[in-house]
Amino acid sequence: MRLAAALFLVLALSVLGADKKKAPKPPDVEVLEASAHRSDGKITLVGRVRNSGVKPIQGLVLVFDFMAPGRQVVTTQRGGVDEEVLNVTEEASFHMQLNEPPRAVEFRVNAVDEAGRDLRVDKPGPFPIE
């Protein structure tokens, strides 16, 4: 009888625990605008991002994945934003000039903080390279 009661209790707790689903965490960074233009063997990237998370981001670094047709990543390049600390809901712009990756036709934006922690990005692209 005790064994049956114990099994029932374990089964009931596991069923109750299975029904609870964690809500997905909100993104840390939102890409508001992003564009890329080719000229003289370089790609100029311009855009704006916002801290859409719940805490300030120290040393935001943007990671750009350049993709060939078929969305195969051909290279990844990094660049920072001007602001040292990006507080919650604050926006930052980026403007950088990078060497043109061969065969790249679009790019996607990812982000890390100064400690190298991957940040969740909302609206990461892909964006066309014009």
N, C-alpha and C. Protein backbone atom coordinates (compact mmCIF):
# COMPACT_ATOMS: atom_id res chain seq x y z
N MET A 1 0.82 -1.19 0.00
CA MET A 1 0.00 0.00 0.00
C MET A 1 0.86 1.26 0.00
N ARG A 2 1.92 1.23 0.82
CA ARG A 2 2.83 2.38 0.85
C ARG A 2 3.51 2.57 -0.49
N LEU A 3 3.88 1.48 -1.10
CA LEU A 3 4.54 1.55 -2.40
C LEU A 3 3.62 2.16 -3.44
N ALA A 4 2.37 1.79 -3.43
CA ALA A 4 1.40 2.34 -4.39
C ALA A 4 1.21 3.83 -4.15
N ALA A 5 1.15 4.25 -2.89
CA ALA A 5 0.99 5.67 -2.57
C ALA A 5 2.23 6.46 -3.01
N ALA A 6 3.41 5.89 -2.79
CA ALA A 6 4.64 6.56 -3.19
C ALA A 6 4.72 6.69 -4.71
N LEU A 7 4.36 5.64 -5.43
CA LEU A 7 4.38 5.70 -6.89
C LEU A 7 3.38 6.71 -7.41
N PHE A 8 2.19 6.76 -6.78
CA PHE A 8 1.19 7.74 -7.19
C PHE A 8 1.71 9.16 -6.97
N LEU A 9 2.38 9.40 -5.85
CA LEU A 9 2.92 10.72 -5.54
C LEU A 9 4.00 11.12 -6.55
N VAL A 10 4.89 10.21 -6.88
CA VAL A 10 5.94 10.49 -7.86
C VAL A 10 5.33 10.77 -9.23
N LEU A 11 4.36 9.98 -9.63
CA LEU A 11 3.69 10.17 -10.91
C LEU A 11 2.97 11.52 -10.97
N ALA A 12 2.28 11.87 -9.90
CA ALA A 12 1.55 13.14 -9.85
C ALA A 12 2.51 14.32 -9.93
N LEU A 13 3.62 14.26 -9.22
CA LEU A 13 4.60 15.35 -9.26
C LEU A 13 5.25 15.48 -10.63
N SER A 14 5.53 14.36 -11.28
CA SER A 14 6.15 14.43 -12.61
C SER A 14 5.19 15.00 -13.64
N VAL A 15 3.91 14.67 -13.54
CA VAL A 15 2.91 15.21 -14.46
C VAL A 15 2.75 16.70 -14.24
N LEU A 16 2.70 17.13 -13.00
CA LEU A 16 2.58 18.57 -12.71
C LEU A 16 3.81 19.33 -13.18
N GLY A 17 4.98 18.75 -13.01
CA GLY A 17 6.21 19.40 -13.46
C GLY A 17 6.31 19.48 -14.96
N ALA A 18 5.74 18.51 -15.66
CA ALA A 18 5.82 18.49 -17.13
C ALA A 18 4.94 19.56 -17.74
N ASP A 19 3.85 19.95 -17.05
CA ASP A 19 2.96 20.95 -17.60
C ASP A 19 3.55 22.36 -17.57
N LYS A 20 4.45 22.59 -16.65
CA LYS A 20 5.04 23.92 -16.53
C LYS A 20 6.11 24.09 -17.60
N LYS A 21 5.95 25.10 -18.42
CA LYS A 21 6.94 25.40 -19.44
C LYS A 21 7.50 26.78 -19.14
N LYS A 22 8.80 26.88 -19.24
CA LYS A 22 9.42 28.18 -19.01
C LYS A 22 9.13 29.10 -20.18
N ALA A 23 8.83 30.32 -19.86
CA ALA A 23 8.65 31.32 -20.91
C ALA A 23 10.01 31.62 -21.52
N PRO A 24 10.09 31.77 -22.83
CA PRO A 24 11.39 32.08 -23.44
C PRO A 24 11.90 33.42 -22.95
N LYS A 25 13.21 33.49 -22.79
CA LYS A 25 13.83 34.74 -22.33
C LYS A 25 13.75 35.78 -23.44
N PRO A 26 13.56 37.02 -23.07
CA PRO A 26 13.51 38.07 -24.09
C PRO A 26 14.90 38.26 -24.71
N PRO A 27 14.96 38.78 -25.94
CA PRO A 27 16.26 39.02 -26.55
C PRO A 27 17.02 40.11 -25.79
N ASP A 28 18.34 40.02 -25.83
CA ASP A 28 19.19 41.02 -25.17
C ASP A 28 19.39 42.24 -26.06
N VAL A 29 19.47 42.00 -27.37
CA VAL A 29 19.77 43.07 -28.33
C VAL A 29 18.77 42.97 -29.48
N GLU A 30 18.29 44.12 -29.94
CA GLU A 30 17.39 44.17 -31.10
C GLU A 30 18.07 44.98 -32.19
N VAL A 31 18.12 44.43 -33.39
CA VAL A 31 18.67 45.16 -34.54
C VAL A 31 17.55 46.03 -35.10
N LEU A 32 17.73 47.35 -35.04
CA LEU A 32 16.72 48.28 -35.53
C LEU A 32 16.91 48.57 -37.01
N GLU A 33 18.16 48.75 -37.43
CA GLU A 33 18.50 49.00 -38.84
C GLU A 33 19.85 48.36 -39.11
N ALA A 34 20.03 47.89 -40.33
CA ALA A 34 21.33 47.38 -40.75
C ALA A 34 21.40 47.40 -42.27
N SER A 35 22.50 47.91 -42.79
CA SER A 35 22.70 47.91 -44.24
C SER A 35 24.19 47.77 -44.53
N ALA A 36 24.49 47.28 -45.72
CA ALA A 36 25.87 47.09 -46.15
C ALA A 36 26.00 47.52 -47.60
N HIS A 37 27.08 48.23 -47.90
CA HIS A 37 27.33 48.72 -49.26
C HIS A 37 28.78 48.40 -49.63
N ARG A 38 28.95 47.94 -50.88
CA ARG A 38 30.29 47.62 -51.39
C ARG A 38 30.89 48.86 -52.06
N SER A 39 32.19 49.04 -51.87
CA SER A 39 32.92 50.04 -52.65
C SER A 39 34.42 49.84 -52.45
N ASP A 40 35.14 49.80 -53.55
CA ASP A 40 36.60 49.70 -53.56
C ASP A 40 37.15 48.54 -52.72
N GLY A 41 36.56 47.37 -52.85
CA GLY A 41 37.06 46.20 -52.13
C GLY A 41 36.73 46.19 -50.64
N LYS A 42 35.89 47.09 -50.22
CA LYS A 42 35.49 47.19 -48.81
C LYS A 42 33.98 47.07 -48.71
N ILE A 43 33.50 46.70 -47.55
CA ILE A 43 32.07 46.72 -47.25
C ILE A 43 31.87 47.68 -46.08
N THR A 44 30.97 48.63 -46.27
CA THR A 44 30.63 49.57 -45.21
C THR A 44 29.33 49.11 -44.56
N LEU A 45 29.38 48.87 -43.26
CA LEU A 45 28.20 48.46 -42.50
C LEU A 45 27.72 49.63 -41.65
N VAL A 46 26.43 49.89 -41.71
CA VAL A 46 25.82 50.98 -40.96
C VAL A 46 24.53 50.47 -40.35
N GLY A 47 24.25 50.86 -39.10
CA GLY A 47 22.99 50.43 -38.50
C GLY A 47 22.85 50.90 -37.07
N ARG A 48 21.75 50.46 -36.46
CA ARG A 48 21.45 50.80 -35.07
C ARG A 48 20.95 49.56 -34.35
N VAL A 49 21.32 49.45 -33.08
CA VAL A 49 20.85 48.36 -32.23
C VAL A 49 20.31 48.96 -30.92
N ARG A 50 19.48 48.17 -30.23
CA ARG A 50 18.92 48.61 -28.95
C ARG A 50 19.09 47.50 -27.93
N ASN A 51 19.38 47.89 -26.70
CA ASN A 51 19.41 46.94 -25.60
C ASN A 51 17.96 46.65 -25.21
N SER A 52 17.46 45.50 -25.59
CA SER A 52 16.07 45.13 -25.29
C SER A 52 16.00 44.15 -24.13
N GLY A 53 17.12 43.94 -23.46
CA GLY A 53 17.16 43.02 -22.33
C GLY A 53 16.74 43.68 -21.04
N VAL A 54 17.04 43.02 -19.95
CA VAL A 54 16.63 43.50 -18.64
C VAL A 54 17.78 44.06 -17.81
N LYS A 55 19.01 44.05 -18.36
CA LYS A 55 20.14 44.62 -17.64
C LYS A 55 21.10 45.27 -18.62
N PRO A 56 21.93 46.20 -18.14
CA PRO A 56 22.89 46.88 -19.03
C PRO A 56 23.88 45.89 -19.65
N ILE A 57 24.35 46.24 -20.84
CA ILE A 57 25.34 45.41 -21.54
C ILE A 57 26.67 46.16 -21.50
N GLN A 58 27.67 45.53 -20.94
CA GLN A 58 29.00 46.11 -20.83
C GLN A 58 29.83 45.67 -22.04
N GLY A 59 30.34 46.62 -22.83
CA GLY A 59 31.22 46.30 -23.94
C GLY A 59 30.58 45.47 -25.04
N LEU A 60 29.50 45.96 -25.62
CA LEU A 60 28.79 45.24 -26.68
C LEU A 60 29.67 45.10 -27.92
N VAL A 61 29.80 43.88 -28.40
CA VAL A 61 30.55 43.59 -29.62
C VAL A 61 29.59 42.93 -30.60
N LEU A 62 29.50 43.48 -31.81
CA LEU A 62 28.64 42.90 -32.85
C LEU A 62 29.47 41.93 -33.68
N VAL A 63 28.88 40.80 -33.99
CA VAL A 63 29.55 39.75 -34.77
C VAL A 63 28.76 39.60 -36.06
N PHE A 64 29.43 39.83 -37.19
CA PHE A 64 28.79 39.80 -38.50
C PHE A 64 29.17 38.52 -39.23
N ASP A 65 28.17 37.69 -39.54
CA ASP A 65 28.38 36.49 -40.35
C ASP A 65 28.07 36.85 -41.79
N PHE A 66 29.07 36.80 -42.67
CA PHE A 66 28.87 37.08 -44.09
C PHE A 66 28.59 35.75 -44.79
N MET A 67 27.51 35.75 -45.60
CA MET A 67 27.04 34.51 -46.19
C MET A 67 27.05 34.56 -47.72
N ALA A 68 27.41 33.43 -48.31
CA ALA A 68 27.38 33.25 -49.76
C ALA A 68 25.96 32.84 -50.15
N PRO A 69 25.67 32.75 -51.46
CA PRO A 69 24.36 32.23 -51.86
C PRO A 69 24.14 30.85 -51.23
N GLY A 70 22.92 30.59 -50.80
CA GLY A 70 22.63 29.35 -50.08
C GLY A 70 22.82 29.51 -48.58
N ARG A 71 23.12 30.71 -48.14
CA ARG A 71 23.30 31.08 -46.73
C ARG A 71 24.39 30.28 -46.03
N GLN A 72 25.47 30.02 -46.76
CA GLN A 72 26.64 29.39 -46.15
C GLN A 72 27.56 30.49 -45.66
N VAL A 73 27.94 30.43 -44.39
CA VAL A 73 28.82 31.45 -43.82
C VAL A 73 30.21 31.30 -44.42
N VAL A 74 30.72 32.41 -45.01
CA VAL A 74 32.06 32.38 -45.60
C VAL A 74 33.09 33.01 -44.68
N THR A 75 32.68 33.95 -43.85
CA THR A 75 33.59 34.56 -42.88
C THR A 75 32.78 35.26 -41.80
N THR A 76 33.42 35.48 -40.68
CA THR A 76 32.81 36.21 -39.56
C THR A 76 33.77 37.31 -39.15
N GLN A 77 33.23 38.52 -38.99
CA GLN A 77 34.05 39.65 -38.55
C GLN A 77 33.34 40.35 -37.41
N ARG A 78 34.12 40.99 -36.54
CA ARG A 78 33.59 41.63 -35.34
C ARG A 78 33.84 43.12 -35.37
N GLY A 79 32.97 43.83 -34.64
CA GLY A 79 33.13 45.26 -34.47
C GLY A 79 32.32 45.74 -33.28
N GLY A 80 32.83 46.74 -32.60
CA GLY A 80 32.14 47.25 -31.41
C GLY A 80 31.26 48.43 -31.73
N VAL A 81 30.52 48.86 -30.71
CA VAL A 81 29.73 50.08 -30.80
C VAL A 81 30.45 51.14 -29.99
N ASP A 82 30.08 52.40 -30.19
CA ASP A 82 30.77 53.50 -29.53
C ASP A 82 30.57 53.52 -28.02
N GLU A 83 29.39 53.14 -27.56
CA GLU A 83 29.07 53.23 -26.14
C GLU A 83 29.74 52.10 -25.35
N GLU A 84 30.40 52.47 -24.24
CA GLU A 84 31.04 51.50 -23.35
C GLU A 84 29.99 50.62 -22.66
N VAL A 85 28.94 51.26 -22.16
CA VAL A 85 27.85 50.55 -21.50
C VAL A 85 26.55 50.93 -22.21
N LEU A 86 25.78 49.93 -22.58
CA LEU A 86 24.49 50.18 -23.22
C LEU A 86 23.40 49.81 -22.22
N ASN A 87 22.78 50.85 -21.63
CA ASN A 87 21.75 50.63 -20.62
C ASN A 87 20.47 50.11 -21.27
N VAL A 88 19.58 49.61 -20.44
CA VAL A 88 18.31 49.04 -20.90
C VAL A 88 17.54 50.10 -21.69
N THR A 89 17.03 49.72 -22.84
CA THR A 89 16.26 50.52 -23.82
C THR A 89 17.11 51.57 -24.56
N GLU A 90 18.39 51.69 -24.27
CA GLU A 90 19.23 52.64 -25.01
C GLU A 90 19.59 52.07 -26.37
N GLU A 91 19.81 52.98 -27.31
CA GLU A 91 20.21 52.60 -28.67
C GLU A 91 21.66 52.99 -28.91
N ALA A 92 22.30 52.26 -29.80
CA ALA A 92 23.67 52.57 -30.21
C ALA A 92 23.76 52.37 -31.71
N SER A 93 24.55 53.20 -32.36
CA SER A 93 24.74 53.04 -33.80
C SER A 93 26.09 52.40 -34.05
N PHE A 94 26.20 51.76 -35.20
CA PHE A 94 27.49 51.21 -35.61
C PHE A 94 27.77 51.65 -37.04
N HIS A 95 29.01 51.91 -37.30
CA HIS A 95 29.48 52.31 -38.63
C HIS A 95 30.89 51.76 -38.74
N MET A 96 31.08 50.80 -39.62
CA MET A 96 32.41 50.23 -39.77
C MET A 96 32.67 49.84 -41.22
N GLN A 97 33.94 49.82 -41.54
CA GLN A 97 34.37 49.45 -42.88
C GLN A 97 35.26 48.23 -42.75
N LEU A 98 34.90 47.17 -43.46
CA LEU A 98 35.60 45.89 -43.37
C LEU A 98 36.05 45.46 -44.76
N ASN A 99 37.04 44.57 -44.79
CA ASN A 99 37.46 43.99 -46.07
C ASN A 99 36.30 43.18 -46.64
N GLU A 100 36.12 43.29 -47.95
CA GLU A 100 34.99 42.60 -48.61
C GLU A 100 35.25 41.10 -48.67
N PRO A 101 34.39 40.30 -48.04
CA PRO A 101 34.55 38.85 -48.14
C PRO A 101 34.15 38.37 -49.53
N PRO A 102 34.93 37.48 -50.13
CA PRO A 102 34.56 36.97 -51.45
C PRO A 102 33.26 36.17 -51.40
N ARG A 103 32.44 36.31 -52.42
CA ARG A 103 31.18 35.59 -52.60
C ARG A 103 30.08 35.99 -51.63
N ALA A 104 30.32 36.91 -50.71
CA ALA A 104 29.29 37.27 -49.72
C ALA A 104 28.19 38.10 -50.39
N VAL A 105 26.94 37.70 -50.17
CA VAL A 105 25.80 38.42 -50.74
C VAL A 105 24.84 38.94 -49.66
N GLU A 106 24.98 38.45 -48.44
CA GLU A 106 24.17 38.94 -47.33
C GLU A 106 24.91 38.70 -46.02
N PHE A 107 24.39 39.31 -44.94
CA PHE A 107 25.03 39.15 -43.63
C PHE A 107 23.98 39.05 -42.54
N ARG A 108 24.40 38.49 -41.42
CA ARG A 108 23.55 38.32 -40.24
C ARG A 108 24.31 38.92 -39.05
N VAL A 109 23.56 39.48 -38.09
CA VAL A 109 24.17 40.14 -36.93
C VAL A 109 23.97 39.28 -35.69
N ASN A 110 25.05 39.01 -34.98
CA ASN A 110 25.01 38.37 -33.67
C ASN A 110 25.70 39.31 -32.69
N ALA A 111 25.68 38.99 -31.42
CA ALA A 111 26.28 39.89 -30.44
C ALA A 111 26.86 39.11 -29.26
N VAL A 112 27.92 39.67 -28.69
CA VAL A 112 28.52 39.17 -27.45
C VAL A 112 28.84 40.37 -26.57
N ASP A 113 29.02 40.12 -25.28
CA ASP A 113 29.46 41.21 -24.41
C ASP A 113 30.97 41.12 -24.25
N GLU A 114 31.57 42.04 -23.47
CA GLU A 114 33.02 42.07 -23.36
C GLU A 114 33.60 40.82 -22.72
N ALA A 115 32.79 40.08 -21.98
CA ALA A 115 33.23 38.83 -21.36
C ALA A 115 33.14 37.66 -22.34
N GLY A 116 32.60 37.89 -23.54
CA GLY A 116 32.48 36.84 -24.54
C GLY A 116 31.19 36.04 -24.44
N ARG A 117 30.27 36.48 -23.58
CA ARG A 117 28.98 35.78 -23.42
C ARG A 117 28.10 36.07 -24.63
N ASP A 118 27.56 35.02 -25.25
CA ASP A 118 26.65 35.19 -26.38
C ASP A 118 25.36 35.85 -25.91
N LEU A 119 24.89 36.82 -26.66
CA LEU A 119 23.65 37.52 -26.35
C LEU A 119 22.57 37.11 -27.35
N ARG A 120 21.34 37.06 -26.91
CA ARG A 120 20.22 36.74 -27.80
C ARG A 120 19.90 37.98 -28.62
N VAL A 121 19.75 37.80 -29.94
CA VAL A 121 19.52 38.92 -30.85
C VAL A 121 18.16 38.77 -31.52
N ASP A 122 17.38 39.86 -31.50
CA ASP A 122 16.09 39.91 -32.18
C ASP A 122 16.29 40.58 -33.53
N LYS A 123 15.70 40.04 -34.57
CA LYS A 123 15.80 40.55 -35.95
C LYS A 123 17.25 40.59 -36.43
N PRO A 124 17.95 39.44 -36.38
CA PRO A 124 19.36 39.42 -36.76
C PRO A 124 19.63 39.44 -38.27
N GLY A 125 18.61 39.36 -39.08
CA GLY A 125 18.79 39.33 -40.53
C GLY A 125 18.42 37.96 -41.04
N PRO A 126 18.86 37.62 -42.22
CA PRO A 126 19.95 38.20 -43.00
C PRO A 126 19.54 39.47 -43.74
N PHE A 127 20.55 40.33 -43.94
CA PHE A 127 20.40 41.58 -44.66
C PHE A 127 21.21 41.50 -45.95
N PRO A 128 20.71 42.07 -47.06
CA PRO A 128 21.46 42.01 -48.32
C PRO A 128 22.67 42.95 -48.31
N ILE A 129 23.68 42.59 -49.07
CA ILE A 129 24.83 43.47 -49.29
C ILE A 129 24.62 44.10 -50.65
N GLU A 130 24.51 45.41 -50.69
CA GLU A 130 24.22 46.12 -51.94
C GLU A 130 25.49 46.56 -52.63
